């Protein structure tokens, strides 16, 4: 009987040791997993940040190019409008000068 009790105690000690080692291994695995997840998350954050920055830079460049194009188009339109206005103004001035410079006897006609 005593041998059986001693055997049971010895098996219990072995089981306790196995459980202790298993808990240590589980803790080590959990710690390693958390570290790996942290590294993956940091890398994903860095990649995401880079992608967003590149997208913003591309959008800024496209917006700047579009702005320059619109400014050029506006300048061309304004120049054309100024040329037209200048011609219209010149015609109006010439018309007024003709009226003002007419002899008095021809002003009624």
C-alpha atoms as a PDB file:
ATOM      1  CA  UNK A   1       0.000   0.000   0.000  1.00  0.00           C
ATOM      2  CA  UNK A   2       2.801   2.317   0.897  1.00  0.00           C
ATOM      3  CA  UNK A   3       4.388   1.690  -2.484  1.00  0.00           C
ATOM      4  CA  UNK A   4       1.165   2.700  -4.196  1.00  0.00           C
ATOM      5  CA  UNK A   5       0.990   5.924  -2.208  1.00  0.00           C
ATOM      6  CA  UNK A   6       4.618   6.685  -2.969  1.00  0.00           C
ATOM      7  CA  UNK A   7       3.987   5.994  -6.663  1.00  0.00           C
ATOM      8  CA  UNK A   8       0.944   8.296  -6.662  1.00  0.00           C
ATOM      9  CA  UNK A   9       2.965  11.080  -4.984  1.00  0.00           C
ATOM     10  CA  UNK A  10       5.789  10.623  -7.466  1.00  0.00           C
ATOM     11  CA  UNK A  11       3.375  10.789 -10.424  1.00  0.00           C
ATOM     12  CA  UNK A  12       1.741  13.901  -8.915  1.00  0.00           C
ATOM     13  CA  UNK A  13       5.164  15.567  -8.642  1.00  0.00           C
ATOM     14  CA  UNK A  14       5.925  14.666 -12.251  1.00  0.00           C
ATOM     15  CA  UNK A  15       2.540  16.033 -13.333  1.00  0.00           C
ATOM     16  CA  UNK A  16       3.191  19.249 -11.395  1.00  0.00           C
ATOM     17  CA  UNK A  17       6.584  19.615 -13.079  1.00  0.00           C
ATOM     18  CA  UNK A  18       5.070  18.982 -16.507  1.00  0.00           C
ATOM     19  CA  UNK A  19       2.356  21.611 -15.814  1.00  0.00           C
ATOM     20  CA  UNK A  20       4.966  24.113 -14.613  1.00  0.00           C
ATOM     21  CA  UNK A  21       7.032  23.617 -17.782  1.00  0.00           C
ATOM     22  CA  UNK A  22       3.918  23.855 -19.937  1.00  0.00           C
ATOM     23  CA  UNK A  23       2.930  27.136 -18.248  1.00  0.00           C
ATOM     24  CA  UNK A  24       6.443  28.523 -18.762  1.00  0.00           C
ATOM     25  CA  UNK A  25       6.376  27.507 -22.429  1.00  0.00           C
ATOM     26  CA  UNK A  26       2.900  29.018 -22.877  1.00  0.00           C
ATOM     27  CA  UNK A  27       4.093  32.277 -21.313  1.00  0.00           C
ATOM     28  CA  UNK A  28       7.155  32.312 -23.552  1.00  0.00           C
ATOM     29  CA  UNK A  29       5.009  31.598 -26.640  1.00  0.00           C
ATOM     30  CA  UNK A  30       2.526  34.326 -25.659  1.00  0.00           C
ATOM     31  CA  UNK A  31       5.366  36.804 -25.163  1.00  0.00           C
ATOM     32  CA  UNK A  32       6.930  35.877 -28.512  1.00  0.00           C
ATOM     33  CA  UNK A  33       3.548  36.144 -30.239  1.00  0.00           C
ATOM     34  CA  UNK A  34       2.895  39.578 -28.747  1.00  0.00           C
ATOM     35  CA  UNK A  35       6.339  40.766 -29.836  1.00  0.00           C
ATOM     36  CA  UNK A  36       5.802  39.426 -33.338  1.00  0.00           C
ATOM     37  CA  UNK A  37       2.337  41.017 -33.541  1.00  0.00           C
ATOM     38  CA  UNK A  38       3.834  44.294 -32.379  1.00  0.00           C
ATOM     39  CA  UNK A  39       6.522  44.126 -35.080  1.00  0.00           C
ATOM     40  CA  UNK A  40       3.949  43.295 -37.762  1.00  0.00           C
ATOM     41  CA  UNK A  41       1.694  46.132 -36.610  1.00  0.00           C
ATOM     42  CA  UNK A  42       4.605  48.597 -36.612  1.00  0.00           C
ATOM     43  CA  UNK A  43       5.607  47.532 -40.124  1.00  0.00           C
ATOM     44  CA  UNK A  44       2.005  47.778 -41.367  1.00  0.00           C
ATOM     45  CA  UNK A  45       1.702  51.237 -39.816  1.00  0.00           C
ATOM     46  CA  UNK A  46       4.940  52.325 -41.478  1.00  0.00           C
ATOM     47  CA  UNK A  47       3.838  50.937 -44.845  1.00  0.00           C
ATOM     48  CA  UNK A  48       0.427  52.558 -44.520  1.00  0.00           C
ATOM     49  CA  UNK A  49       1.952  55.908 -43.587  1.00  0.00           C
ATOM     50  CA  UNK A  50       4.306  55.702 -46.577  1.00  0.00           C
ATOM     51  CA  UNK A  51       1.423  54.882 -48.912  1.00  0.00           C
ATOM     52  CA  UNK A  52      -0.653  57.783 -47.593  1.00  0.00           C
ATOM     53  CA  UNK A  53       2.288  60.195 -47.885  1.00  0.00           C
ATOM     54  CA  UNK A  54       2.987  59.064 -51.453  1.00  0.00           C
ATOM     55  CA  UNK A  55      -0.704  59.425 -52.327  1.00  0.00           C
ATOM     56  CA  UNK A  56      -0.816  62.907 -50.835  1.00  0.00           C
ATOM     57  CA  UNK A  57       2.336  63.938 -52.677  1.00  0.00           C
ATOM     58  CA  UNK A  58       0.913  62.645 -55.944  1.00  0.00           C
ATOM     59  CA  UNK A  59      -2.366  64.490 -55.324  1.00  0.00           C
ATOM     60  CA  UNK A  60      -0.477  67.701 -54.477  1.00  0.00           C
ATOM     61  CA  UNK A  61       1.590  67.443 -57.647  1.00  0.00           C
ATOM     62  CA  UNK A  62      -1.494  66.804 -59.769  1.00  0.00           C
ATOM     63  CA  UNK A  63      -3.316  69.712 -58.134  1.00  0.00           C
ATOM     64  CA  UNK A  64      -0.320  72.004 -58.700  1.00  0.00           C
ATOM     65  CA  UNK A  65      -0.075  70.973 -62.350  1.00  0.00           C
ATOM     66  CA  UNK A  66      -3.819  71.531 -62.804  1.00  0.00           C
ATOM     67  CA  UNK A  67      -3.526  74.923 -61.087  1.00  0.00           C
ATOM     68  CA  UNK A  68      -0.710  75.978 -63.424  1.00  0.00           C
ATOM     69  CA  UNK A  69      -2.710  74.842 -66.435  1.00  0.00           C
ATOM     70  CA  UNK A  70      -5.782  76.760 -65.277  1.00  0.00           C
ATOM     71  CA  UNK A  71      -3.684  79.871 -64.639  1.00  0.00           C
ATOM     72  CA  UNK A  72      -2.198  79.611 -68.123  1.00  0.00           C
ATOM     73  CA  UNK A  73      -5.665  79.152 -69.641  1.00  0.00           C
ATOM     74  CA  UNK A  74      -7.002  82.089 -67.647  1.00  0.00           C
ATOM     75  CA  UNK A  75      -4.061  84.234 -68.763  1.00  0.00           C
ATOM     76  CA  UNK A  76      -4.660  83.297 -72.387  1.00  0.00           C
ATOM     77  CA  UNK A  77      -8.380  84.034 -72.053  1.00  0.00           C
ATOM     78  CA  UNK A  78      -7.681  87.328 -70.314  1.00  0.00           C
ATOM     79  CA  UNK A  79      -5.159  88.319 -72.958  1.00  0.00           C
ATOM     80  CA  UNK A  80      -7.659  87.491 -75.685  1.00  0.00           C
ATOM     81  CA  UNK A  81     -10.369  89.415 -73.854  1.00  0.00           C
ATOM     82  CA  UNK A  82      -8.037  92.394 -73.393  1.00  0.00           C
ATOM     83  CA  UNK A  83      -7.207  92.340 -77.110  1.00  0.00           C
ATOM     84  CA  UNK A  84     -10.918  92.277 -77.947  1.00  0.00           C
ATOM     85  CA  UNK A  85     -11.674  95.017 -75.412  1.00  0.00           C
ATOM     86  CA  UNK A  86      -8.789  97.079 -76.765  1.00  0.00           C
ATOM     87  CA  UNK A  87     -10.135  96.766 -80.300  1.00  0.00           C
ATOM     88  CA  UNK A  88     -13.664  97.647 -79.147  1.00  0.00           C
ATOM     89  CA  UNK A  89     -12.336 100.599 -77.191  1.00  0.00           C
ATOM     90  CA  UNK A  90     -10.339 101.807 -80.190  1.00  0.00           C
ATOM     91  CA  UNK A  91     -13.442 101.606 -82.417  1.00  0.00           C
ATOM     92  CA  UNK A  92     -15.483 103.489 -79.821  1.00  0.00           C
ATOM     93  CA  UNK A  93     -12.822 106.218 -79.508  1.00  0.00           C
ATOM     94  CA  UNK A  94     -12.617 106.543 -83.284  1.00  0.00           C
ATOM     95  CA  UNK A  95     -16.400 106.830 -83.481  1.00  0.00           C
ATOM     96  CA  UNK A  96     -16.490 109.527 -80.807  1.00  0.00           C
ATOM     97  CA  UNK A  97     -13.639 111.410 -82.483  1.00  0.00           C
ATOM     98  CA  UNK A  98     -15.451 111.305 -85.825  1.00  0.00           C
ATOM     99  CA  UNK A  99     -18.553 112.751 -84.206  1.00  0.00           C
ATOM    100  CA  UNK A 100     -16.608 115.431 -82.333  1.00  0.00           C
ATOM    101  CA  UNK A 101     -14.501 116.399 -85.295  1.00  0.00           C
ATOM    102  CA  UNK A 102     -17.389 116.773 -87.757  1.00  0.00           C
ATOM    103  CA  UNK A 103     -18.091 120.235 -88.917  1.00  0.00           C
ATOM    104  CA  UNK A 104     -21.054 121.840 -87.210  1.00  0.00           C
ATOM    105  CA  UNK A 105     -23.192 121.800 -90.323  1.00  0.00           C
ATOM    106  CA  UNK A 106     -22.827 117.964 -90.553  1.00  0.00           C
ATOM    107  CA  UNK A 107     -23.535 117.109 -86.893  1.00  0.00           C
ATOM    108  CA  UNK A 108     -27.273 116.734 -87.483  1.00  0.00           C
ATOM    109  CA  UNK A 109     -26.915 114.073 -90.049  1.00  0.00           C
END
